[in-house]
Structures are given as C-alpha cells and as structure tokens.
Amino acid sequence: MQNDNNLEVWLRGPLPQIPALLQPVAHALLQALEEINLSGNEFSSQLLWKHPVNIASVGFHLQHLSGVLDRLFTYARQESLDEEQLLYLKNEGTEPFPGCNYSDLLQIFRSQVQKAITQLMATDESTLTEIRYVGRARIASTHVGLLFHAAEHTQRHVGQLLVTAKILQAGIE
C-alpha cells in the first residue's frame, strides 16, 4: 500500500493481510476513521451533545459508529449480542461519563475499527456467501452483506457527523 495521505485510502492500494474481496470494507472503515480524526482536532466538547435543527448530535454519531460496527461484526461471527452490547445500544446518544469529549469517543471508535480490521484479516473468503442472522428476529443476510453494510453504514454516519459538526461550528442550533 502506498503511504500517500493525500489520496483516499482506497487509492493507496491493497491493505496487507486483508482478503481481496474485503478490501473495500477495510478501505471504507479506515477512510471513515481518517475523516473524523481530522474533524475532531477543533471540535468543542460543549457542542458534542447538541442537536442542531433537531438532528442527531455529533456525540450520538460517534457512539453509534462504534456500536454498529461492534454489533454487525458480532453477527458476522455468527454470535448474538450480549447484555453489554444491548446496554450500549440503549444508551447511544447520552453522555457515557461526565466530561466525555470528542477525543474519548474517537478513541473508542478507533479501537472498534482496529477490531474490525483484525476480524477482516481472519475472515475466510469462502464463507462470504454463507447465511448470517441479524438481531433477535434472526433476519437472514450473508456474511459479506453484513460486512459491506457495516462499511456503508459507517460512511453514512461519518457524513452526517461531519455535516452536523459544520452546522454547530457555524453557530446554527
């Protein structure tokens, strides 16, 4: 992989140890991390939980990014959510501890992306078309469907997070 940070992650070449068919998933997750890493350097903690024009807060998006990656990659491993994951889901959008700031939530997301990349490295491509079940309702998807949805869902919320941050930084509430 090229080390040219002026290029988007997907243009830097293949990531080592990631199966070929999962390169787009890894590229999307790492791109998301880079984009929100840049925006956090100047983001005020006082704005983290604000809901400008009644949309989700930046804090919610950061929490949700971590939580949804954890949940979807859990289903991809053919596991059910545990009580801790269900509690995390229930509390997305609320300050997890007093004084929580953007950097704290970014570190949680960074850790979750690393866990996802590690799981992608260990994924056997021959399992990608196998059925995986989502949620208590056990809705059928495929292994690759879950992984790609995790990537696109992450990108969607990164976009929303960045727009929300710009709105707040412009003083619109």
N, C-alpha and C. Protein backbone atom coordinates (compact mmCIF):
# COMPACT_ATOMS: atom_id res chain seq x y z
N MET A 1 0.84 -1.18 0.00
CA MET A 1 0.00 0.00 0.00
C MET A 1 0.88 1.24 0.00
N GLN A 2 0.52 2.21 -0.86
CA GLN A 2 1.24 3.47 -0.89
C GLN A 2 0.96 4.23 0.40
N ASN A 3 1.91 5.03 0.81
CA ASN A 3 1.74 5.83 2.02
C ASN A 3 1.59 7.29 1.64
N ASP A 4 0.62 7.60 0.79
CA ASP A 4 0.35 8.95 0.35
C ASP A 4 -0.96 9.40 0.98
N ASN A 5 -0.87 10.12 2.07
CA ASN A 5 -2.07 10.52 2.80
C ASN A 5 -2.90 11.57 2.07
N ASN A 6 -2.42 12.06 0.91
CA ASN A 6 -3.22 12.97 0.11
C ASN A 6 -4.27 12.22 -0.69
N LEU A 7 -4.08 10.93 -0.83
CA LEU A 7 -5.04 10.09 -1.54
C LEU A 7 -6.01 9.47 -0.55
N GLU A 8 -7.24 9.22 -1.03
CA GLU A 8 -8.17 8.47 -0.19
C GLU A 8 -7.62 7.06 0.00
N VAL A 9 -8.03 6.42 1.07
CA VAL A 9 -7.47 5.12 1.45
C VAL A 9 -7.58 4.11 0.31
N TRP A 10 -8.71 4.07 -0.37
CA TRP A 10 -8.91 3.07 -1.42
C TRP A 10 -7.96 3.26 -2.60
N LEU A 11 -7.42 4.47 -2.77
CA LEU A 11 -6.49 4.74 -3.87
C LEU A 11 -5.03 4.46 -3.49
N ARG A 12 -4.80 4.08 -2.27
CA ARG A 12 -3.43 3.81 -1.81
C ARG A 12 -3.00 2.37 -2.05
N GLY A 13 -3.90 1.56 -2.55
CA GLY A 13 -3.56 0.18 -2.86
C GLY A 13 -4.08 -0.79 -1.83
N PRO A 14 -3.82 -2.08 -2.07
CA PRO A 14 -4.32 -3.13 -1.17
C PRO A 14 -3.72 -3.03 0.23
N LEU A 15 -4.53 -3.37 1.19
CA LEU A 15 -4.09 -3.42 2.57
C LEU A 15 -3.54 -4.81 2.85
N PRO A 16 -2.38 -4.90 3.48
CA PRO A 16 -1.79 -6.22 3.74
C PRO A 16 -2.69 -7.08 4.62
N GLN A 17 -2.74 -8.35 4.31
CA GLN A 17 -3.43 -9.38 5.08
C GLN A 17 -4.96 -9.30 5.03
N ILE A 18 -5.51 -8.35 4.27
CA ILE A 18 -6.96 -8.28 4.12
C ILE A 18 -7.32 -9.06 2.86
N PRO A 19 -8.25 -10.02 2.95
CA PRO A 19 -8.66 -10.76 1.76
C PRO A 19 -9.11 -9.80 0.64
N ALA A 20 -8.83 -10.15 -0.58
CA ALA A 20 -9.10 -9.28 -1.73
C ALA A 20 -10.54 -8.80 -1.78
N LEU A 21 -11.49 -9.70 -1.55
CA LEU A 21 -12.90 -9.32 -1.64
C LEU A 21 -13.35 -8.41 -0.50
N LEU A 22 -12.56 -8.30 0.54
CA LEU A 22 -12.91 -7.46 1.69
C LEU A 22 -12.12 -6.15 1.73
N GLN A 23 -11.27 -5.93 0.75
CA GLN A 23 -10.51 -4.68 0.69
C GLN A 23 -11.43 -3.44 0.74
N PRO A 24 -12.56 -3.42 -0.01
CA PRO A 24 -13.42 -2.23 0.07
C PRO A 24 -13.98 -1.97 1.46
N VAL A 25 -14.25 -3.01 2.22
CA VAL A 25 -14.75 -2.84 3.59
C VAL A 25 -13.67 -2.17 4.44
N ALA A 26 -12.46 -2.71 4.38
CA ALA A 26 -11.35 -2.15 5.17
C ALA A 26 -11.04 -0.72 4.73
N HIS A 27 -11.03 -0.48 3.42
CA HIS A 27 -10.76 0.87 2.92
C HIS A 27 -11.79 1.87 3.46
N ALA A 28 -13.07 1.49 3.42
CA ALA A 28 -14.13 2.39 3.88
C ALA A 28 -14.01 2.68 5.37
N LEU A 29 -13.70 1.67 6.17
CA LEU A 29 -13.57 1.87 7.62
C LEU A 29 -12.38 2.77 7.94
N LEU A 30 -11.27 2.54 7.27
CA LEU A 30 -10.08 3.37 7.53
C LEU A 30 -10.27 4.79 7.02
N GLN A 31 -10.98 4.95 5.90
CA GLN A 31 -11.29 6.29 5.40
C GLN A 31 -12.16 7.04 6.40
N ALA A 32 -13.16 6.36 6.94
CA ALA A 32 -14.03 6.97 7.94
C ALA A 32 -13.22 7.46 9.14
N LEU A 33 -12.33 6.62 9.59
CA LEU A 33 -11.50 6.98 10.74
C LEU A 33 -10.64 8.20 10.43
N GLU A 34 -10.04 8.24 9.26
CA GLU A 34 -9.23 9.40 8.89
C GLU A 34 -10.06 10.68 8.85
N GLU A 35 -11.26 10.59 8.28
CA GLU A 35 -12.09 11.78 8.14
C GLU A 35 -12.54 12.34 9.48
N ILE A 36 -12.94 11.49 10.40
CA ILE A 36 -13.38 12.03 11.69
C ILE A 36 -12.21 12.36 12.60
N ASN A 37 -11.05 11.77 12.33
CA ASN A 37 -9.84 12.16 13.05
C ASN A 37 -9.51 13.61 12.77
N LEU A 38 -9.60 14.01 11.52
CA LEU A 38 -9.28 15.38 11.12
C LEU A 38 -10.25 16.38 11.72
N SER A 39 -11.53 16.04 11.73
CA SER A 39 -12.54 17.00 12.19
C SER A 39 -12.50 17.20 13.70
N GLY A 40 -11.99 16.25 14.44
CA GLY A 40 -12.02 16.32 15.90
C GLY A 40 -11.01 17.25 16.52
N ASN A 41 -10.00 17.63 15.76
CA ASN A 41 -8.95 18.46 16.32
C ASN A 41 -9.46 19.80 16.83
N GLU A 42 -10.53 20.30 16.22
CA GLU A 42 -11.03 21.61 16.64
C GLU A 42 -12.47 21.56 17.13
N PHE A 43 -12.98 20.38 17.46
CA PHE A 43 -14.38 20.28 17.85
C PHE A 43 -14.55 20.48 19.35
N SER A 44 -15.41 21.40 19.72
CA SER A 44 -15.65 21.77 21.11
C SER A 44 -16.51 20.73 21.84
N SER A 45 -16.09 20.38 23.04
CA SER A 45 -16.86 19.45 23.87
C SER A 45 -18.23 20.01 24.21
N GLN A 46 -18.35 21.33 24.24
CA GLN A 46 -19.64 21.95 24.56
C GLN A 46 -20.68 21.72 23.48
N LEU A 47 -20.23 21.36 22.27
CA LEU A 47 -21.14 21.12 21.16
C LEU A 47 -21.46 19.64 20.96
N LEU A 48 -20.76 18.77 21.66
CA LEU A 48 -20.80 17.34 21.39
C LEU A 48 -22.20 16.73 21.48
N TRP A 49 -23.01 17.19 22.40
CA TRP A 49 -24.34 16.59 22.62
C TRP A 49 -25.48 17.49 22.17
N LYS A 50 -25.17 18.55 21.45
CA LYS A 50 -26.21 19.45 20.94
C LYS A 50 -26.87 18.85 19.71
N HIS A 51 -28.16 19.17 19.54
CA HIS A 51 -28.97 18.65 18.43
C HIS A 51 -29.40 19.83 17.54
N PRO A 52 -28.54 20.29 16.65
CA PRO A 52 -28.93 21.44 15.83
C PRO A 52 -30.11 21.07 14.93
N VAL A 53 -31.02 22.00 14.79
CA VAL A 53 -32.23 21.82 13.98
C VAL A 53 -32.84 20.42 14.13
N ASN A 54 -32.82 19.91 15.35
CA ASN A 54 -33.44 18.63 15.71
C ASN A 54 -32.83 17.41 15.03
N ILE A 55 -31.55 17.42 14.74
CA ILE A 55 -30.89 16.24 14.18
C ILE A 55 -29.97 15.63 15.24
N ALA A 56 -29.54 14.42 14.99
CA ALA A 56 -28.71 13.70 15.96
C ALA A 56 -27.41 14.45 16.24
N SER A 57 -26.95 14.35 17.46
CA SER A 57 -25.73 15.03 17.89
C SER A 57 -24.48 14.35 17.34
N VAL A 58 -23.39 15.10 17.32
CA VAL A 58 -22.09 14.55 16.94
C VAL A 58 -21.73 13.41 17.89
N GLY A 59 -22.01 13.57 19.18
CA GLY A 59 -21.74 12.52 20.17
C GLY A 59 -22.49 11.24 19.85
N PHE A 60 -23.77 11.38 19.45
CA PHE A 60 -24.54 10.20 19.07
C PHE A 60 -23.86 9.49 17.90
N HIS A 61 -23.51 10.23 16.86
CA HIS A 61 -22.91 9.60 15.68
C HIS A 61 -21.62 8.87 16.04
N LEU A 62 -20.79 9.47 16.87
CA LEU A 62 -19.55 8.80 17.27
C LEU A 62 -19.83 7.52 18.06
N GLN A 63 -20.78 7.58 18.96
CA GLN A 63 -21.15 6.38 19.72
C GLN A 63 -21.74 5.32 18.80
N HIS A 64 -22.63 5.76 17.90
CA HIS A 64 -23.31 4.83 17.01
C HIS A 64 -22.32 4.16 16.06
N LEU A 65 -21.34 4.90 15.59
CA LEU A 65 -20.31 4.32 14.72
C LEU A 65 -19.63 3.13 15.40
N SER A 66 -19.26 3.32 16.64
CA SER A 66 -18.60 2.23 17.38
C SER A 66 -19.56 1.09 17.64
N GLY A 67 -20.75 1.43 18.08
CA GLY A 67 -21.72 0.40 18.44
C GLY A 67 -22.17 -0.45 17.27
N VAL A 68 -22.45 0.20 16.14
CA VAL A 68 -22.94 -0.56 15.00
C VAL A 68 -21.85 -1.46 14.42
N LEU A 69 -20.61 -1.00 14.42
CA LEU A 69 -19.51 -1.87 13.98
C LEU A 69 -19.41 -3.09 14.88
N ASP A 70 -19.47 -2.87 16.17
CA ASP A 70 -19.40 -3.97 17.12
C ASP A 70 -20.54 -4.96 16.88
N ARG A 71 -21.76 -4.45 16.72
CA ARG A 71 -22.92 -5.33 16.55
C ARG A 71 -22.87 -6.10 15.24
N LEU A 72 -22.60 -5.41 14.13
CA LEU A 72 -22.61 -6.08 12.83
C LEU A 72 -21.48 -7.10 12.71
N PHE A 73 -20.32 -6.78 13.26
CA PHE A 73 -19.21 -7.74 13.21
C PHE A 73 -19.47 -8.92 14.16
N THR A 74 -20.24 -8.70 15.21
CA THR A 74 -20.66 -9.80 16.09
C THR A 74 -21.56 -10.76 15.30
N TYR A 75 -22.55 -10.21 14.61
CA TYR A 75 -23.42 -11.06 13.78
C TYR A 75 -22.63 -11.77 12.69
N ALA A 76 -21.62 -11.09 12.13
CA ALA A 76 -20.80 -11.71 11.09
C ALA A 76 -20.05 -12.93 11.62
N ARG A 77 -19.73 -12.91 12.92
CA ARG A 77 -19.07 -14.06 13.56
C ARG A 77 -20.08 -15.14 13.97
N GLN A 78 -21.33 -14.93 13.64
CA GLN A 78 -22.41 -15.84 13.99
C GLN A 78 -22.66 -15.89 15.49
N GLU A 79 -22.52 -14.75 16.14
CA GLU A 79 -22.77 -14.65 17.57
C GLU A 79 -23.96 -13.74 17.80
N SER A 80 -24.55 -13.87 18.97
CA SER A 80 -25.63 -12.98 19.40
C SER A 80 -25.03 -11.84 20.22
N LEU A 81 -25.79 -10.77 20.31
CA LEU A 81 -25.34 -9.65 21.14
C LEU A 81 -25.42 -10.04 22.62
N ASP A 82 -24.47 -9.55 23.40
CA ASP A 82 -24.51 -9.80 24.83
C ASP A 82 -25.16 -8.60 25.54
N GLU A 83 -25.32 -8.72 26.84
CA GLU A 83 -26.01 -7.67 27.61
C GLU A 83 -25.27 -6.34 27.52
N GLU A 84 -23.95 -6.37 27.51
CA GLU A 84 -23.17 -5.13 27.42
C GLU A 84 -23.44 -4.42 26.09
N GLN A 85 -23.52 -5.17 25.01
CA GLN A 85 -23.80 -4.57 23.70
C GLN A 85 -25.21 -4.00 23.65
N LEU A 86 -26.16 -4.70 24.25
CA LEU A 86 -27.54 -4.20 24.27
C LEU A 86 -27.66 -2.93 25.11
N LEU A 87 -26.93 -2.87 26.20
CA LEU A 87 -26.93 -1.67 27.04
C LEU A 87 -26.27 -0.50 26.29
N TYR A 88 -25.18 -0.78 25.59
CA TYR A 88 -24.51 0.26 24.80
C TYR A 88 -25.49 0.83 23.77
N LEU A 89 -26.21 -0.05 23.08
CA LEU A 89 -27.20 0.38 22.08
C LEU A 89 -28.26 1.27 22.73
N LYS A 90 -28.76 0.86 23.86
CA LYS A 90 -29.81 1.62 24.56
C LYS A 90 -29.33 3.01 24.94
N ASN A 91 -28.04 3.15 25.24
CA ASN A 91 -27.51 4.41 25.74
C ASN A 91 -26.83 5.28 24.68
N GLU A 92 -26.87 4.84 23.42
CA GLU A 92 -26.30 5.68 22.37
C GLU A 92 -27.03 7.02 22.35
N GLY A 93 -26.27 8.09 22.33
CA GLY A 93 -26.85 9.43 22.32
C GLY A 93 -26.83 10.12 23.66
N THR A 94 -26.39 9.40 24.70
CA THR A 94 -26.25 10.02 26.02
C THR A 94 -24.78 10.00 26.42
N GLU A 95 -24.39 11.00 27.14
CA GLU A 95 -23.00 11.12 27.59
C GLU A 95 -22.64 9.90 28.44
N PRO A 96 -21.63 9.11 28.03
CA PRO A 96 -21.33 7.87 28.75
C PRO A 96 -20.69 8.08 30.11
N PHE A 97 -20.02 9.23 30.29
CA PHE A 97 -19.44 9.56 31.59
C PHE A 97 -19.23 11.07 31.63
N PRO A 98 -19.22 11.65 32.83
CA PRO A 98 -19.06 13.11 32.96
C PRO A 98 -17.73 13.56 32.32
N GLY A 99 -17.82 14.63 31.55
CA GLY A 99 -16.61 15.19 30.94
C GLY A 99 -16.19 14.50 29.66
N CYS A 100 -16.99 13.56 29.17
CA CYS A 100 -16.66 12.85 27.94
C CYS A 100 -16.49 13.87 26.80
N ASN A 101 -15.44 13.70 26.01
CA ASN A 101 -15.22 14.63 24.90
C ASN A 101 -15.06 13.88 23.59
N TYR A 102 -14.88 14.63 22.52
CA TYR A 102 -14.75 14.06 21.17
C TYR A 102 -13.61 13.05 21.12
N SER A 103 -12.49 13.41 21.70
CA SER A 103 -11.32 12.51 21.68
C SER A 103 -11.60 11.18 22.37
N ASP A 104 -12.35 11.22 23.46
CA ASP A 104 -12.71 9.98 24.17
C ASP A 104 -13.52 9.06 23.26
N LEU A 105 -14.53 9.63 22.60
CA LEU A 105 -15.38 8.83 21.72
C LEU A 105 -14.63 8.39 20.47
N LEU A 106 -13.73 9.25 19.99
CA LEU A 106 -12.92 8.88 18.83
C LEU A 106 -12.01 7.70 19.16
N GLN A 107 -11.47 7.66 20.35
CA GLN A 107 -10.61 6.55 20.76
C GLN A 107 -11.39 5.23 20.80
N ILE A 108 -12.63 5.29 21.25
CA ILE A 108 -13.47 4.10 21.27
C ILE A 108 -13.71 3.63 19.84
N PHE A 109 -14.00 4.56 18.93
CA PHE A 109 -14.23 4.21 17.53
C PHE A 109 -12.95 3.66 16.90
N ARG A 110 -11.84 4.30 17.19
CA ARG A 110 -10.54 3.83 16.65
C ARG A 110 -10.29 2.37 17.06
N SER A 111 -10.56 2.06 18.32
CA SER A 111 -10.39 0.70 18.82
C SER A 111 -11.33 -0.27 18.11
N GLN A 112 -12.56 0.16 17.87
CA GLN A 112 -13.54 -0.71 17.21
C GLN A 112 -13.14 -0.96 15.75
N VAL A 113 -12.61 0.07 15.08
CA VAL A 113 -12.14 -0.12 13.71
C VAL A 113 -10.99 -1.12 13.69
N GLN A 114 -10.09 -1.02 14.65
CA GLN A 114 -8.97 -1.96 14.69
C GLN A 114 -9.46 -3.40 14.91
N LYS A 115 -10.45 -3.57 15.77
CA LYS A 115 -11.03 -4.91 15.97
C LYS A 115 -11.65 -5.42 14.68
N ALA A 116 -12.33 -4.53 13.96
CA ALA A 116 -12.96 -4.92 12.70
C ALA A 116 -11.91 -5.31 11.67
N ILE A 117 -10.83 -4.55 11.58
CA ILE A 117 -9.76 -4.87 10.62
C ILE A 117 -9.14 -6.22 10.97
N THR A 118 -8.93 -6.47 12.24
CA THR A 118 -8.39 -7.76 12.68
C THR A 118 -9.32 -8.89 12.28
N GLN A 119 -10.63 -8.68 12.47
CA GLN A 119 -11.60 -9.71 12.08
C GLN A 119 -11.59 -9.91 10.56
N LEU A 120 -11.48 -8.83 9.79
CA LEU A 120 -11.42 -8.96 8.34
C LEU A 120 -10.20 -9.79 7.93
N MET A 121 -9.07 -9.57 8.59
CA MET A 121 -7.85 -10.32 8.28
C MET A 121 -8.05 -11.82 8.48
N ALA A 122 -8.85 -12.17 9.46
CA ALA A 122 -9.06 -13.58 9.79
C ALA A 122 -10.24 -14.20 9.04
N THR A 123 -10.90 -13.42 8.21
CA THR A 123 -12.09 -13.91 7.51
C THR A 123 -11.71 -14.78 6.32
N ASP A 124 -12.30 -15.94 6.27
CA ASP A 124 -12.10 -16.86 5.16
C ASP A 124 -13.07 -16.46 4.03
N GLU A 125 -12.52 -16.09 2.88
CA GLU A 125 -13.36 -15.64 1.77
C GLU A 125 -14.39 -16.68 1.34
N SER A 126 -14.13 -17.94 1.58
CA SER A 126 -15.08 -18.98 1.17
C SER A 126 -16.37 -18.93 1.99
N THR A 127 -16.39 -18.16 3.09
CA THR A 127 -17.59 -18.05 3.93
C THR A 127 -18.46 -16.85 3.57
N LEU A 128 -18.03 -16.03 2.62
CA LEU A 128 -18.71 -14.76 2.38
C LEU A 128 -20.14 -14.89 1.89
N THR A 129 -20.48 -15.97 1.23
CA THR A 129 -21.86 -16.14 0.76
C THR A 129 -22.73 -16.93 1.74
N GLU A 130 -22.16 -17.33 2.85
CA GLU A 130 -22.93 -18.07 3.86
C GLU A 130 -23.93 -17.15 4.55
N ILE A 131 -25.02 -17.74 4.98
CA ILE A 131 -26.07 -17.00 5.69
C ILE A 131 -25.59 -16.63 7.09
N ARG A 132 -25.90 -15.40 7.46
CA ARG A 132 -25.70 -14.91 8.82
C ARG A 132 -27.02 -14.28 9.25
N TYR A 133 -27.32 -14.34 10.55
CA TYR A 133 -28.59 -13.82 11.06
C TYR A 133 -28.37 -12.56 11.85
N VAL A 134 -29.33 -11.63 11.69
CA VAL A 134 -29.24 -10.32 12.31
C VAL A 134 -30.35 -10.15 13.34
N GLY A 135 -29.94 -9.79 14.55
CA GLY A 135 -30.90 -9.42 15.58
C GLY A 135 -31.66 -10.57 16.19
N ARG A 136 -32.50 -10.20 17.14
CA ARG A 136 -33.33 -11.20 17.83
C ARG A 136 -34.33 -11.83 16.87
N ALA A 137 -34.72 -11.09 15.83
CA ALA A 137 -35.65 -11.62 14.84
C ALA A 137 -34.96 -12.57 13.87
N ARG A 138 -33.64 -12.64 13.95
CA ARG A 138 -32.84 -13.54 13.11
C ARG A 138 -33.16 -13.36 11.63
N ILE A 139 -33.03 -12.12 11.18
CA ILE A 139 -33.25 -11.79 9.77
C ILE A 139 -32.03 -12.24 8.99
N ALA A 140 -32.28 -12.98 7.91
CA ALA A 140 -31.18 -13.56 7.14
C ALA A 140 -30.47 -12.51 6.29
N SER A 141 -29.17 -12.58 6.30
CA SER A 141 -28.30 -11.81 5.42
C SER A 141 -27.19 -12.77 5.00
N THR A 142 -26.14 -12.25 4.45
CA THR A 142 -24.96 -13.06 4.17
C THR A 142 -23.79 -12.47 4.94
N HIS A 143 -22.76 -13.26 5.07
CA HIS A 143 -21.55 -12.79 5.74
C HIS A 143 -21.06 -11.51 5.07
N VAL A 144 -20.91 -11.56 3.75
CA VAL A 144 -20.42 -10.38 3.03
C VAL A 144 -21.42 -9.22 3.13
N GLY A 145 -22.71 -9.54 3.14
CA GLY A 145 -23.72 -8.49 3.28
C GLY A 145 -23.56 -7.72 4.57
N LEU A 146 -23.34 -8.43 5.66
CA LEU A 146 -23.12 -7.77 6.96
C LEU A 146 -21.87 -6.89 6.94
N LEU A 147 -20.79 -7.41 6.38
CA LEU A 147 -19.54 -6.66 6.38
C LEU A 147 -19.63 -5.41 5.51
N PHE A 148 -20.26 -5.55 4.34
CA PHE A 148 -20.41 -4.38 3.47
C PHE A 148 -21.39 -3.38 4.06
N HIS A 149 -22.44 -3.87 4.69
CA HIS A 149 -23.37 -2.94 5.34
C HIS A 149 -22.66 -2.18 6.46
N ALA A 150 -21.81 -2.85 7.20
CA ALA A 150 -21.06 -2.16 8.25
C ALA A 150 -20.24 -1.02 7.65
N ALA A 151 -19.62 -1.27 6.50
CA ALA A 151 -18.80 -0.24 5.85
C ALA A 151 -19.65 0.92 5.36
N GLU A 152 -20.74 0.62 4.66
CA GLU A 152 -21.55 1.71 4.11
C GLU A 152 -22.29 2.46 5.21
N HIS A 153 -22.73 1.76 6.23
CA HIS A 153 -23.40 2.42 7.35
C HIS A 153 -22.43 3.36 8.07
N THR A 154 -21.20 2.92 8.21
CA THR A 154 -20.17 3.76 8.82
C THR A 154 -19.97 5.02 8.00
N GLN A 155 -19.83 4.86 6.69
CA GLN A 155 -19.65 6.03 5.82
C GLN A 155 -20.83 6.99 5.91
N ARG A 156 -22.04 6.46 5.96
CA ARG A 156 -23.24 7.30 6.05
C ARG A 156 -23.20 8.15 7.32
N HIS A 157 -22.88 7.51 8.45
CA HIS A 157 -22.87 8.27 9.71
C HIS A 157 -21.69 9.22 9.81
N VAL A 158 -20.58 8.89 9.18
CA VAL A 158 -19.47 9.85 9.15
C VAL A 158 -19.91 11.11 8.41
N GLY A 159 -20.59 10.94 7.28
CA GLY A 159 -21.09 12.10 6.55
C GLY A 159 -22.03 12.93 7.40
N GLN A 160 -22.95 12.28 8.10
CA GLN A 160 -23.88 13.00 8.96
C GLN A 160 -23.14 13.70 10.10
N LEU A 161 -22.17 13.03 10.68
CA LEU A 161 -21.38 13.62 11.77
C LEU A 161 -20.67 14.88 11.28
N LEU A 162 -20.04 14.80 10.11
CA LEU A 162 -19.28 15.95 9.60
C LEU A 162 -20.19 17.13 9.28
N VAL A 163 -21.36 16.86 8.71
CA VAL A 163 -22.31 17.94 8.42
C VAL A 163 -22.83 18.55 9.72
N THR A 164 -23.18 17.72 10.68
CA THR A 164 -23.66 18.22 11.97
C THR A 164 -22.59 19.07 12.65
N ALA A 165 -21.35 18.62 12.61
CA ALA A 165 -20.26 19.39 13.22
C ALA A 165 -20.13 20.76 12.55
N LYS A 166 -20.22 20.79 11.22
CA LYS A 166 -20.12 22.08 10.50
C LYS A 166 -21.27 23.01 10.87
N ILE A 167 -22.48 22.46 10.97
CA ILE A 167 -23.63 23.26 11.35
C ILE A 167 -23.41 23.89 12.73
N LEU A 168 -22.97 23.07 13.67
CA LEU A 168 -22.74 23.56 15.03
C LEU A 168 -21.60 24.57 15.08
N GLN A 169 -20.54 24.31 14.35
CA GLN A 169 -19.40 25.22 14.35
C GLN A 169 -19.75 26.56 13.69
N ALA A 170 -20.78 26.55 12.83
CA ALA A 170 -21.24 27.78 12.21
C ALA A 170 -22.20 28.55 13.13
N GLY A 171 -22.52 27.96 14.28
CA GLY A 171 -23.37 28.65 15.25
C GLY A 171 -24.85 28.43 15.05
N ILE A 172 -25.23 27.48 14.22
CA ILE A 172 -26.64 27.20 13.96
C ILE A 172 -27.11 26.15 14.96
N GLU A 173 -28.15 26.45 15.68
CA GLU A 173 -28.71 25.49 16.63
C GLU A 173 -30.18 25.39 16.42
